[in-house]
Structures are given as C-alpha cells and as structure tokens.
C-alpha cells in the first residue's frame, strides 16, 4: 500500500463498519477514513489537551481547543463520534472484540505506544486490523512507534505490514509509513 489513505480504502474493501482513531488532532485522517468507508461508525478519540512534558506542535490549551473545534466541524457532519479523552481511558467504553479496526496516532513515545496497542488490540475482533501511523525513525531519533509495534507483533505472532514512504504526497503528515496487522487470535 502506498499510504494510509489506501489503508482506509482497504478497510472499506473488507466491509469494516466500526472503528476508532486515537490521536485525531484536527480530524484530517478521520475524514479520510469516513469518506473512504461510507456508513462507517468512527469513534474519534483525542484528549485535545495540553499537559506539561507532552512534546507536540501545539504549545497551549487554546491551540488544542481550536483543533477540537476544527475536528467537530469536519467530523460531526460525517456522523463521527468525538470522544474527548486519552486513548487508554476511552478504551474502557468498548467491549472486547467490538471493533473492526483501530488506528493509533496518539503519543509516539515508546511507553505510550506500547500501552495504546495493549489496550486497543483486544477491542478489535478476530479478522480486524490494528494499525497506526508514523512507523519510522524521527529526525529527533524517536523509535517509540517502531520499537513498541515490533515488540507487540513479535510477542503475539502477528505479521507486520507497513505502507510505503509516500514522499511525493503534498501533505507532509501523509508521507510517513503506517503499520498494521490483521488480528488472527
């Protein structure tokens, strides 16, 4: 697959109807998922919250509130449910094997990614897809996504797949590889 937009189309090819994106920001990729999957019930999870120590492109709560308003304008007309909570907390609202897919794009530090995968993978049904964004070594040297994903996949016997680097994509945040695996057990 070339990029995560093609992954969203793959969800439609598989007939997926219920999913979650964790780490929504302004809702750009959630919108891509919804438009590629007419009729999907997408739960969009993000705290839209600034907290000390969180490395991000936004520096104060007002900027996060503006992102939340952008996401509401973009996603509510598509029928998405916005859940303003941290991913691990929001996961408590979903039953085991209730979802067709989850796309993780929250905090990219190793411990956070590890916790997100461990928390959300059980919520995906057998045959569903657990996936996420930014499977690459960042300029700052962060391997959090790579290490957490590789460890989980190896420990659970899943076959890891990744999308390609889409370096020609005009949207900078759409260039990075995404990762995914089919939940087989």
Foldseek 3Di string as FASTA:
>chain_A
DAFVLVVLLVCQVVVFAEEEEAAQQLNPVVLSNLVSHPNHAYEYEEQLADDPPQDDPDDHSVSSVVSVVNNCVRPVVSVYHYDNDHQLVVLVVADFQQGQEYEYEHRQAQVSLLSNCVSCVRRHHQQHKYKYWACDQDPVRGNNNVVSVVVVCVVVVWDKDKHAQNVVDPDVRTRGIMIMTGRHD
